[in-house]
Each structure stands twice: as C-alpha cells, then as structure tokens.
Protein backbone atom coordinates (compact mmCIF):
# COMPACT_ATOMS: atom_id res chain seq x y z
CA MET A 1 90.59 153.82 105.39
CA ASP A 2 93.27 152.70 107.87
CA GLN A 3 94.11 154.49 111.18
CA ASN A 4 97.23 156.17 109.90
CA GLN A 5 95.44 157.65 107.00
CA GLN A 6 92.67 158.97 109.26
CA GLN A 7 95.27 160.43 111.60
CA ASP A 8 97.06 162.11 108.65
CA GLU A 9 93.77 163.76 107.56
CA ASN A 10 93.00 165.02 111.03
CA ASN A 11 96.43 166.51 111.35
CA ILE A 12 96.04 168.44 108.08
CA LYS A 13 92.66 169.77 109.10
CA LYS A 14 94.01 171.11 112.25
CA GLN A 15 96.99 172.95 110.63
CA LYS A 16 96.93 176.47 109.25
CA PRO A 17 98.75 177.75 106.09
CA GLY A 18 102.45 178.17 106.88
CA HIS A 19 102.42 175.36 109.44
CA GLY A 20 102.77 172.29 107.30
CA TYR A 21 99.50 172.69 105.26
CA ILE A 22 99.95 172.06 101.59
CA LYS A 23 98.25 174.77 99.55
CA ILE A 24 97.42 174.03 95.89
CA LYS A 25 96.84 176.88 93.31
CA THR A 26 93.22 176.89 92.02
CA PHE A 27 93.53 177.20 88.22
CA PRO A 28 96.27 174.55 87.49
CA PHE A 29 94.39 172.19 89.80
CA ILE A 30 91.18 172.61 87.92
CA MET A 31 92.82 172.05 84.52
CA LEU A 32 94.42 168.95 85.90
CA LEU A 33 91.09 167.62 86.97
CA PHE A 34 89.52 168.33 83.61
CA ALA A 35 92.34 166.40 81.85
CA PHE A 36 91.89 163.35 84.15
CA VAL A 37 88.17 163.21 83.57
CA PHE A 38 88.69 163.42 79.74
CA VAL A 39 91.18 160.62 79.64
CA THR A 40 89.07 158.37 81.84
CA ALA A 41 85.97 158.98 79.55
CA LEU A 42 88.07 158.29 76.45
CA VAL A 43 89.34 154.87 77.84
CA THR A 44 85.85 153.88 78.92
CA THR A 45 84.46 154.68 75.40
CA ILE A 46 87.12 152.59 73.74
CA VAL A 47 86.50 149.70 75.94
CA MET A 48 82.74 149.74 75.46
CA SER A 49 83.07 149.98 71.76
CA LEU A 50 84.80 146.57 71.59
CA GLY A 51 81.74 144.74 72.67
CA ASP A 52 81.16 141.93 75.07
CA ASP A 53 82.95 139.38 72.95
CA LYS A 54 86.15 141.33 72.63
CA GLN A 55 89.01 141.22 75.16
CA VAL A 56 91.58 143.81 76.05
CA LYS A 57 94.88 141.94 76.53
CA VAL A 58 97.14 143.17 79.35
CA SER A 59 100.69 142.26 78.94
CA ILE A 60 101.97 140.66 82.18
CA PRO A 61 105.76 139.83 82.31
CA GLU A 62 106.31 136.06 82.55
CA ARG A 63 109.35 134.16 83.65
CA LYS A 64 110.76 132.03 80.75
CA GLU A 65 111.49 129.02 82.91
CA PHE A 66 107.73 128.62 83.70
CA THR A 67 106.78 128.24 79.88
CA LYS A 68 107.12 124.53 79.97
CA LEU A 69 105.12 124.30 83.20
CA TYR A 70 102.28 126.30 81.70
CA GLU A 71 102.37 124.15 78.50
CA ALA A 72 102.17 120.91 80.55
CA TYR A 73 99.32 122.30 82.67
CA ASP A 74 97.42 123.24 79.51
CA GLU A 75 98.10 119.84 77.84
CA ILE A 76 96.88 117.94 80.97
CA THR A 77 93.75 120.05 81.54
CA LYS A 78 92.81 119.92 77.82
CA ASN A 79 93.55 116.37 76.79
CA PHE A 80 93.58 114.18 79.86
CA TYR A 81 90.79 111.63 79.57
CA GLN A 82 89.25 112.40 82.92
CA ASP A 83 88.39 115.74 84.73
CA THR A 84 91.29 117.35 86.51
CA LYS A 85 91.38 119.50 89.56
CA SER A 86 93.61 122.56 89.36
CA THR A 87 94.53 122.37 93.05
CA ASN A 88 95.80 118.84 92.72
CA LEU A 89 97.81 119.67 89.70
CA VAL A 90 99.40 122.69 91.31
CA ASP A 91 100.10 120.78 94.59
CA GLY A 92 101.65 117.98 92.50
CA ALA A 93 103.95 120.43 90.70
CA ILE A 94 105.16 121.92 93.99
CA THR A 95 105.68 118.36 95.30
CA GLY A 96 107.79 117.53 92.27
CA MET A 97 109.98 120.69 92.75
CA ILE A 98 110.52 119.75 96.39
CA ASN A 99 111.32 116.09 95.58
CA SER A 100 113.96 117.19 92.93
CA LEU A 101 115.99 118.75 95.79
CA ASP A 102 116.81 115.25 96.99
CA ASP A 103 116.64 116.28 100.58
CA PRO A 104 114.79 114.11 103.04
CA TYR A 105 113.80 117.00 105.30
CA SER A 106 112.23 119.29 102.70
CA THR A 107 108.60 118.47 101.92
CA PHE A 108 105.33 119.95 100.65
CA MET A 109 102.24 119.35 102.76
CA SER A 110 98.68 119.81 101.63
CA GLN A 111 96.16 121.64 103.87
CA LYS A 112 95.22 118.47 105.74
CA GLU A 113 98.82 117.20 105.97
CA SER A 114 99.84 120.64 107.30
CA ALA A 115 97.27 120.45 110.04
CA ASP A 116 98.56 117.04 111.06
CA PHE A 117 102.13 118.45 111.06
CA ASN A 118 101.12 121.30 113.30
CA ASP A 119 99.40 118.99 115.62
CA SER A 120 102.53 116.83 116.05
CA ILE A 121 104.59 119.85 117.36
CA SER A 122 101.92 121.76 119.25
CA SER A 123 99.43 119.31 120.80
CA SER A 124 98.45 115.69 121.07
CA PHE A 125 97.74 113.61 117.96
CA GLU A 126 96.63 110.09 117.21
CA GLY A 127 98.92 107.55 115.64
CA VAL A 128 101.80 105.17 116.48
CA GLY A 129 104.29 107.79 117.75
CA ALA A 130 107.30 107.49 115.59
CA GLU A 131 109.43 110.12 113.81
CA ILE A 132 110.15 109.07 110.23
CA GLN A 133 112.15 110.42 107.27
CA GLU A 134 112.59 109.48 103.63
CA GLN A 135 116.07 108.31 102.84
CA ASP A 136 117.33 106.95 99.45
CA GLY A 137 113.76 106.08 98.46
CA ASN A 138 113.03 104.26 101.71
CA ILE A 139 111.05 105.32 104.87
CA MET A 140 113.28 105.15 107.81
CA VAL A 141 112.44 105.52 111.51
CA VAL A 142 114.36 108.33 113.19
CA SER A 143 113.07 107.38 116.52
CA PRO A 144 109.98 106.16 118.24
CA ILE A 145 108.57 108.65 120.80
CA LYS A 146 108.94 107.67 124.44
CA ASN A 147 106.19 105.55 125.83
CA SER A 148 104.44 105.52 122.44
CA PRO A 149 102.74 102.55 120.89
CA ALA A 150 105.71 102.31 118.35
CA GLU A 151 108.24 102.13 121.27
CA LYS A 152 106.17 99.49 123.08
CA ALA A 153 105.96 97.41 119.91
CA GLY A 154 109.69 97.32 119.57
CA ILE A 155 110.13 99.82 116.74
CA LYS A 156 113.83 100.88 116.70
CA PRO A 157 115.71 103.91 115.38
CA LYS A 158 116.93 103.37 111.69
CA ASP A 159 114.37 100.60 111.08
CA ILE A 160 113.24 100.72 107.44
CA ILE A 161 109.44 100.60 106.96
CA LEU A 162 108.74 98.59 103.79
CA LYS A 163 104.99 98.31 103.90
CA VAL A 164 102.00 99.74 105.74
CA ASP A 165 99.17 97.31 105.99
CA GLY A 166 100.73 95.17 103.23
CA LYS A 167 101.07 98.07 100.83
CA SER A 168 104.57 99.25 99.83
CA VAL A 169 105.78 102.66 100.89
CA LYS A 170 108.90 102.47 98.70
CA GLY A 171 109.30 105.80 96.94
CA ASP A 172 106.82 107.62 99.21
CA THR A 173 107.77 110.85 100.88
CA ALA A 174 107.76 111.08 104.68
CA THR A 175 104.57 113.00 104.54
CA GLU A 176 102.83 110.44 102.31
CA ALA A 177 104.09 107.57 104.61
CA THR A 178 102.89 109.46 107.73
CA LYS A 179 99.41 109.80 106.33
CA LYS A 180 99.18 106.10 105.88
CA ILE A 181 100.63 105.20 109.28
CA ARG A 182 98.45 107.61 111.28
CA GLY A 183 94.87 106.90 112.24
CA GLU A 184 92.33 107.02 114.97
CA LYS A 185 93.32 105.68 118.30
CA GLY A 186 92.19 102.16 118.92
CA THR A 187 92.65 101.15 115.28
CA LYS A 188 95.47 98.77 114.25
CA VAL A 189 98.17 99.18 111.69
CA THR A 190 100.76 96.62 110.60
CA LEU A 191 104.27 97.82 109.61
CA THR A 192 106.55 95.54 107.64
CA ILE A 193 110.06 96.31 109.01
CA GLN A 194 113.55 95.61 107.62
CA ARG A 195 116.16 95.89 110.44
CA ALA A 196 119.96 95.91 110.12
CA GLY A 197 121.34 92.62 111.18
CA VAL A 198 118.05 90.75 110.69
CA ASP A 199 117.98 88.53 107.67
CA LYS A 200 114.29 88.81 106.73
CA PRO A 201 111.70 91.57 107.00
CA PHE A 202 109.08 91.05 109.72
CA ASP A 203 105.71 92.46 110.62
CA VAL A 204 104.88 94.61 113.64
CA ALA A 205 101.19 95.12 114.54
CA ILE A 206 100.66 98.31 116.42
CA THR A 207 97.39 99.63 118.03
CA ARG A 208 97.30 103.43 117.50
CA ALA A 209 96.79 105.63 120.47
CA GLU A 210 96.79 109.33 121.45
CA ILE A 211 100.30 110.67 121.56
CA PRO A 212 100.18 113.20 124.57
CA ILE A 213 101.68 116.64 124.47
CA GLU A 214 103.71 115.99 127.67
CA THR A 215 107.38 116.01 126.72
CA VAL A 216 109.23 116.01 130.04
CA TYR A 217 109.40 113.14 132.61
CA LYS A 218 111.25 113.35 135.94
CA GLU A 219 112.13 110.96 138.76
CA MET A 220 114.50 111.31 141.75
CA GLY A 221 115.53 108.67 144.35
CA ASP A 222 116.63 108.92 147.95
CA ASP A 223 120.15 109.76 146.70
CA LYS A 224 118.74 113.02 145.26
CA LEU A 225 120.13 112.27 141.81
CA ALA A 226 117.44 113.27 139.27
CA HIS A 227 116.73 111.51 135.96
CA VAL A 228 114.85 113.79 133.60
CA THR A 229 113.71 112.59 130.10
CA ILE A 230 112.80 114.91 127.20
CA SER A 231 110.93 112.83 124.54
CA THR A 232 110.65 115.58 121.83
CA PHE A 233 110.94 119.40 121.50
CA SER A 234 107.43 120.88 121.24
CA GLU A 235 106.02 124.36 121.86
CA LYS A 236 105.97 124.12 125.67
CA THR A 237 108.94 121.76 126.23
CA SER A 238 111.21 124.37 127.81
CA ASP A 239 108.44 125.56 130.21
CA GLU A 240 107.79 121.90 131.05
CA LEU A 241 111.57 121.38 131.77
CA LEU A 242 111.95 124.59 133.81
CA LYS A 243 109.05 123.67 135.99
CA ALA A 244 110.34 120.15 136.54
CA LEU A 245 113.91 121.35 137.39
CA LYS A 246 112.55 123.95 139.88
CA GLU A 247 110.52 121.33 141.59
CA LEU A 248 113.61 119.01 141.74
CA ASP A 249 115.68 121.95 143.15
CA LYS A 250 113.01 122.37 145.82
CA ASP A 251 113.26 118.67 146.73
CA GLY A 252 117.01 118.83 147.14
CA MET A 253 118.35 117.76 143.80
CA LYS A 254 122.24 117.10 144.04
CA GLY A 255 122.91 115.71 140.54
CA LEU A 256 121.11 115.53 137.10
CA VAL A 257 121.10 113.12 134.25
CA LEU A 258 119.29 114.68 131.18
CA ASP A 259 118.02 111.84 128.99
CA LEU A 260 117.74 112.56 125.30
CA ARG A 261 117.79 109.02 124.01
CA GLY A 262 115.17 108.34 121.31
CA ASN A 263 114.43 112.03 121.11
CA PRO A 264 113.89 112.76 117.44
CA GLY A 265 114.22 116.65 117.90
CA GLY A 266 111.60 119.33 117.10
CA LEU A 267 111.61 123.07 117.42
CA LEU A 268 114.95 124.82 117.34
CA ASP A 269 114.02 127.68 119.66
CA GLN A 270 113.09 125.07 122.37
CA ALA A 271 116.54 123.48 122.10
CA VAL A 272 118.16 126.96 122.46
CA ASN A 273 115.94 127.86 125.38
CA ILE A 274 116.86 124.68 127.23
CA ALA A 275 120.55 125.01 126.32
CA SER A 276 120.44 128.44 128.04
CA MET A 277 119.70 126.58 131.35
CA PHE A 278 123.07 124.82 131.12
CA VAL A 279 125.28 127.18 129.08
CA PRO A 280 126.72 130.44 130.46
CA ASP A 281 124.93 133.59 128.97
CA GLY A 282 126.64 134.85 125.93
CA LYS A 283 128.30 131.60 124.97
CA VAL A 284 127.39 130.06 121.65
CA VAL A 285 124.62 127.47 121.57
CA VAL A 286 124.51 126.72 117.83
CA GLN A 287 125.62 128.36 114.59
CA GLU A 288 123.65 128.53 111.38
CA GLU A 289 125.33 128.49 107.89
CA ASN A 290 123.29 129.63 104.85
CA LYS A 291 123.83 128.74 101.21
CA ALA A 292 126.13 131.67 100.75
CA GLY A 293 128.44 130.17 103.48
CA GLU A 294 127.56 133.07 105.83
CA LYS A 295 127.41 132.00 109.59
CA SER A 296 125.48 133.45 112.43
CA ALA A 297 125.66 132.43 116.04
CA ILE A 298 122.82 132.00 118.54
CA THR A 299 123.94 132.46 122.14
CA ALA A 300 122.71 131.49 125.47
CA ASP A 301 120.25 133.80 127.15
CA SER A 302 118.78 132.81 130.47
CA SER A 303 116.28 135.68 130.46
CA VAL A 304 113.94 133.35 128.48
CA ASN A 305 113.89 131.05 131.49
CA ASP A 306 113.41 133.64 134.21
CA GLY A 307 117.24 133.62 134.64
CA TYR A 308 117.29 130.01 135.68
CA LYS A 309 120.60 128.05 135.50
CA VAL A 310 121.21 124.50 136.53
CA LYS A 311 123.81 124.45 139.24
CA VAL A 312 124.16 120.79 139.94
CA PRO A 313 126.61 118.30 138.28
CA THR A 314 124.93 117.14 135.06
CA THR A 315 125.47 114.48 132.32
CA ILE A 316 123.54 113.93 129.11
CA LEU A 317 122.40 110.66 127.62
CA VAL A 318 122.12 110.13 123.84
CA ASP A 319 121.74 107.25 121.43
CA ASN A 320 121.18 106.65 117.72
CA GLY A 321 117.68 107.85 118.06
CA SER A 322 118.80 111.29 119.35
CA ALA A 323 118.54 113.65 116.42
CA SER A 324 118.33 117.25 115.32
CA ALA A 325 117.40 119.51 118.31
CA SER A 326 118.65 116.78 120.67
CA GLU A 327 121.99 116.98 119.01
CA ILE A 328 122.03 120.80 119.19
CA LEU A 329 121.34 120.66 122.90
CA ALA A 330 123.93 117.97 123.60
CA ALA A 331 126.66 119.66 121.52
CA ALA A 332 126.02 123.06 123.15
CA ALA A 333 126.06 121.60 126.62
CA ARG A 334 129.41 119.78 125.97
CA GLU A 335 131.23 122.38 124.02
CA SER A 336 129.95 125.59 125.77
CA GLY A 337 128.93 124.08 129.16
CA ASP A 338 131.63 121.36 129.82
CA ILE A 339 128.90 118.80 130.28
CA LYS A 340 129.81 115.10 129.58
CA ILE A 341 127.76 112.98 127.24
CA VAL A 342 127.16 109.25 127.79
CA GLY A 343 125.62 106.55 125.50
CA THR A 344 126.10 105.74 121.88
CA LYS A 345 126.67 107.75 118.76
CA SER A 346 123.66 110.08 117.89
CA PHE A 347 121.62 110.04 114.65
CA GLY A 348 123.33 112.68 112.74
CA LYS A 349 120.91 115.39 111.50
CA GLY A 350 122.68 118.70 110.90
CA THR A 351 120.21 120.77 108.94
CA VAL A 352 117.67 123.50 109.77
CA GLN A 353 114.11 123.65 108.33
CA THR A 354 111.54 126.40 108.21
CA ALA A 355 107.83 125.95 107.61
CA LYS A 356 106.09 128.45 105.38
CA THR A 357 102.31 128.34 105.30
CA MET A 358 100.63 129.14 102.01
CA GLU A 359 97.46 131.11 101.48
CA ASP A 360 95.27 127.97 101.27
CA GLY A 361 96.79 126.44 104.42
CA SER A 362 99.32 124.15 102.78
CA THR A 363 102.87 124.22 104.00
CA ILE A 364 106.31 124.12 102.38
CA LYS A 365 108.92 122.74 104.93
CA LEU A 366 112.28 123.63 103.47
CA THR A 367 115.87 123.05 104.56
CA VAL A 368 117.28 126.51 104.64
CA ALA A 369 120.71 126.11 106.44
CA LYS A 370 123.20 123.84 108.06
CA TRP A 371 123.63 123.96 111.69
CA LEU A 372 127.07 123.76 113.36
CA THR A 373 128.20 122.98 116.84
CA PRO A 374 129.72 125.87 118.89
CA ASN A 375 133.15 124.81 117.71
CA GLY A 376 132.01 124.78 114.10
CA THR A 377 131.46 121.13 113.49
CA TRP A 378 128.88 119.86 111.06
CA ILE A 379 127.50 116.54 112.46
CA ASN A 380 125.29 115.71 109.56
CA LYS A 381 125.34 111.87 108.81
CA LYS A 382 128.21 111.52 111.29
CA GLY A 383 126.38 112.11 114.67
CA ILE A 384 127.95 112.97 118.05
CA THR A 385 130.21 110.44 119.68
CA PRO A 386 129.71 110.51 123.53
CA ASP A 387 132.57 111.12 125.98
CA LYS A 388 131.77 107.76 127.53
CA VAL A 389 130.50 105.16 125.06
CA ILE A 390 128.26 102.54 126.57
CA SER A 391 126.14 100.16 124.62
CA MET A 392 122.81 98.56 125.75
CA PRO A 393 122.68 94.74 126.01
CA ASP A 394 121.79 92.89 122.73
CA TYR A 395 118.40 91.91 123.93
CA ALA A 396 117.49 95.62 124.24
CA THR A 397 117.41 95.95 120.46
CA ALA A 398 116.05 92.53 119.70
CA THR A 399 113.00 92.23 117.46
CA ILE A 400 110.01 91.52 119.67
CA PRO A 401 108.04 88.38 118.54
CA SER A 402 104.40 88.77 117.55
CA ASN A 403 101.96 87.78 120.33
CA SER A 404 99.68 86.41 117.61
CA LYS A 405 102.12 83.67 116.71
CA LYS A 406 102.68 80.43 118.56
CA TYR A 407 106.11 79.15 119.24
CA THR A 408 106.62 75.55 120.54
CA ILE A 409 108.99 72.53 120.43
CA ASN A 410 110.94 72.07 117.11
CA ASP A 411 110.21 75.67 115.97
CA PHE A 412 113.35 77.61 115.03
CA GLY A 413 114.42 80.92 113.67
CA ASP A 414 115.11 84.59 114.68
CA ASP A 415 111.89 84.92 116.81
CA VAL A 416 112.82 81.76 118.83
CA LEU A 417 116.38 83.18 119.26
CA THR A 418 114.85 86.37 120.63
CA ILE A 419 112.54 84.44 123.03
CA GLU A 420 115.61 82.63 124.37
CA GLU A 421 117.54 85.83 124.85
CA LEU A 422 114.71 87.54 126.69
CA LEU A 423 114.07 84.66 128.96
CA LYS A 424 117.86 84.42 129.74
CA ALA A 425 117.87 88.12 130.56
CA LEU A 426 115.27 87.30 133.28
CA ASP A 427 117.41 84.44 134.55
CA TYR A 428 115.52 81.51 133.16
CA ASN A 429 117.68 78.66 131.96
CA VAL A 430 116.81 77.88 128.30
CA GLY A 431 119.75 75.74 127.57
CA ASP A 432 121.63 76.76 124.42
CA VAL A 433 120.71 80.14 122.93
CA ASP A 434 120.66 78.88 119.41
CA GLY A 435 117.22 79.74 117.90
CA LEU A 436 115.89 76.22 118.31
CA TYR A 437 112.84 75.67 120.50
CA THR A 438 113.84 72.60 122.52
CA ILE A 439 112.46 70.89 125.59
CA ASP A 440 114.75 73.13 127.66
CA THR A 441 113.08 76.24 126.05
CA ALA A 442 109.61 74.78 126.78
CA TYR A 443 110.56 74.14 130.52
CA ALA A 444 111.80 77.71 130.77
CA VAL A 445 108.63 79.05 129.29
CA GLN A 446 106.48 76.81 131.76
CA ARG A 447 108.50 78.21 134.71
CA PHE A 448 107.90 81.71 133.45
CA GLN A 449 104.27 81.06 133.13
CA ARG A 450 103.98 79.62 136.60
CA ASP A 451 105.84 82.57 138.14
CA ASN A 452 103.34 85.01 136.47
CA ASN A 453 100.07 83.03 137.08
CA LEU A 454 99.65 82.13 133.38
CA GLU A 455 98.46 78.85 132.05
CA GLU A 456 101.50 76.41 131.95
CA THR A 457 101.49 75.27 128.33
CA GLY A 458 105.24 75.68 127.53
CA VAL A 459 104.10 77.56 124.39
CA MET A 460 105.15 81.18 123.85
CA THR A 461 102.04 83.11 122.54
CA GLY A 462 99.42 85.63 123.45
CA LYS A 463 99.55 86.78 127.08
CA THR A 464 102.79 84.95 127.76
CA THR A 465 104.54 86.91 124.98
CA ASP A 466 103.01 90.24 126.27
CA LYS A 467 104.10 89.44 129.84
CA LEU A 468 107.63 88.52 128.68
CA VAL A 469 108.00 91.89 126.84
CA GLU A 470 106.60 93.81 129.77
CA LEU A 471 109.02 92.24 132.27
CA VAL A 472 112.04 92.51 130.00
CA GLN A 473 111.36 96.24 129.58
CA LYS A 474 110.95 96.75 133.31
CA HIS A 475 114.17 94.75 133.89
CA LEU A 476 115.96 96.84 131.32
CA LYS A 477 114.86 100.04 132.99
CA GLU A 478 116.04 98.82 136.47
CA ASN A 479 119.43 97.61 135.02
CA ASP A 480 120.06 100.28 132.42
CA PRO A 481 123.94 100.40 132.02
CA GLN A 482 123.90 103.78 130.25
CA LEU A 483 121.87 105.50 132.98
CA LYS A 484 123.93 103.86 135.77
CA ALA A 485 127.11 105.18 134.15
CA ALA A 486 125.60 108.67 133.73
CA MET A 487 124.46 108.58 137.37
CA ASN A 488 127.85 107.63 138.70
CA MET A 489 129.37 110.58 136.87
CA VAL A 490 127.28 113.08 138.77
CA LYS A 491 127.65 111.59 142.20
C-alpha cells in the first residue's frame, strides 16, 4: 500500500456520515458480494477442469507490422544450426531498425556499450580520446580530445579510420568501432588512417591512456588577456568554466579568448548554461525544430550560473573539429551576444540527440530534432564560417611520421616531406623541401640531434622523431596565428 492510499483510508476513518463519508446500503452490497464469489468460483472450476495439459488462450492485440519480425524470430530460433540467445536477437533487431534510419548520430548500445557511453560524458574513461561518427559507411574522426593520446599521435578531424589493429571497420557503427578502439590504459592500438590530401593510407600507433574528466583549461599572461580552452561538454563543464572565469576576474582579467577548437561537443544543457554567461538573459541561445516543423527556443538564463556574466571583451576560436554543442555556443555568442568568431569553418553538426535507457540497461541514442541558430540557420553539413578566417600553417596538419620507422639518405615519400617541413618550421635548413632525404636533410637532422643531446646519426627515428614532434607542437603553441589574431581583437 502506498502513502496516498494509507492517507485516504485515514481520512475516511476520521470522517462522520454527512461529512464526506460514503455510506453503502447493506442488502444490495451483500447481494453484489455473493454474485462476485459465485462468478469467481465458476471461472476457477472451468480452468481446473481443463487439466494441466490444456491452455487458456488470451487474445492480445498485435500490431500487423510486427508479424514478419515474429516469423523471422521463430524461424531463426527453431532452425538455426546453433543455439541462439534471445537477447542477442532482440538487440540485433533494434540495431537493424536504427541503422535503417541512415543517421550517423542515432545508435543502439548494449548494456556494456551504454555504460561506456555514460563514462565518456560523466567521468574519466580509458582509450585514445577521439570522438568518432559513422558517415557513408566509414568511421570518421569528429575531433581528438585536447591533450589526448589521439591528439598527440597526430589524429586530425575528418580523418577516416579504415582499420583497427589491421581489421577493417568498414560498415561498422560508431559504437562498434569505439568498442574496438577503446581499451585499458597502457595498451597499444594501431589505426589505419585515410586523410584528405594524402595519397596512401598510413598507420598510427597509439598508446591508450586515461582520458580525464577535466574539460576546462585556463592561462593568462602579464597582459591580463585570458586564454580558456573547453575540450568537451560534460556534466560539470559549466561549473568548471564558472570557477575558472571567477578566478580570472579576481586576477584582473581584461580580455578573454574562448577556445573551442577540436571540441567535438557533448551535453546540450552545458552549452546553454555556458552561453548564458555571454548572452543577455532572455535572448535566444538555440532553437529546436521537431519532425512536425514546430520550433521551440531556449533562452539565456544566468540564474543557472549564480547570475554571472562575462564583462570583458571576448572572442571565440573554432576549427573543423568544433562540432555540435561547440557550434551551438559559438552561434549563440555571435548572433545573440555580438561576439566575434576566429579560425576556420566548424564541423557542421546540426541535430539533437536524446538517450533513452531501456529496462536492461541498454540505450537508444536517437536524433529527435534539428537545432537552429538564434537567427534560424541550420548549419548541418555546412558549419559556421568565422568572422575572421585564419588558417594554421601546413605543417600543423601534417601526418606525423612513425617513430618506429627509420628514415635516412635516399629515402623518399610523404613521410620524408613531413620531416623536412617540421625541421624547416624549427629553422633548420633542409635544402629543397621535396620529399627526398638528401645529404642536406641528414645534416639538418644531425644539427637537430646535437641541439637536443641526442645521438648524432643523421637518421630520423625513435627518440629523434619523438623530440621533433614535441618541439614542433611547442613551437606551434607559441606561434599560433589563430590565437594571436583572437588575442589582438580583445586588446
């Protein structure tokens, strides 16, 4: 008995006739009771007389469209040459229905896969740290997570993953591919990558690690211009950002660059909460449009952030790895907050998903609506073009050569070309940048090794390759043209 039932009974017991008490006449009530007992006894007698081997069929309405599904299930369980598991068959049927939608963001996750998915948005997890999606039968990288093994190994947005440890993932769902790529920290996985502009696929070996839950990173120089990076939108991201911004305010922040480059998105409510720090209350952050074409608007509300608003000049950085919630935030800040965007065109993901957990712990993640910018623009597959378009240098997107390979005089190809480009970026004279490992290239490698206390072999491999990548990334961070432009706009 629940609490409401108990409370109702207590109320009746306390009331007197004429004050809400329901009075039943004795004779009709007794006759009704006798009739009920008689019918119950009759039904019981009929059922018992049928015997144990007889069944009473109860007609349950069925939907005609499921007849074929039931027939297929019965055929498989009856005639398949091996034992079947009903859970696997049902899960497979749901997966098939989801796949038929031809939507890269809708997916079915088993109980285990669902737990992994929840980990990725609410806590740390172990893997390579890259957001992926299925597109046209291929597994495409949306973006590597900031400071993740995938980013450090040179994985780029829109890379196509052809194989995982030598096994093709062509035709896999994003969930299936994720299951193959993830693993315990310290273990290695090799991804075969096809990159636009690169003639041949290449392998990237990545050591898995724990991907931390921290999603906000801040720094500020003597000029009091702050650079704050959001790597993804998880459960606590708006809280992390609020804390970071209040600390920066306390330290005298005079300008802010909010860096969303490489941010693959995440939770919608976090994007809305953060937008409310930059957009005046009551102004539109994002619109949702359902299948019927009905639109609803979500507006800024600073009460979710203790009434906090950013009061210093701000710019936002995006690139082709900025997707989903990143694009919602950037569009809201520009169209409702008059904030300028710097960088390159964003990814272009303009749909909203919800995750429904089933009784057994599995999950259906389903696209339920389009999202539109405050001005009503649908950016799906188009992206957001920044107010100031600035590209990164070519070497920033170069394919990093494997540290397990040796490159020496007379070698040639794309890897050698990359080595020359990276050395040149660090002001080493390699002669002609033409993809041919010449004596000039070997001398440049030797000078690089001498400057970094490495064995002077003139051969690019192992620790020399690792050091080259490390110093190029450091150089790129110190000479980031997009960040410099964004900083100049808030001075």
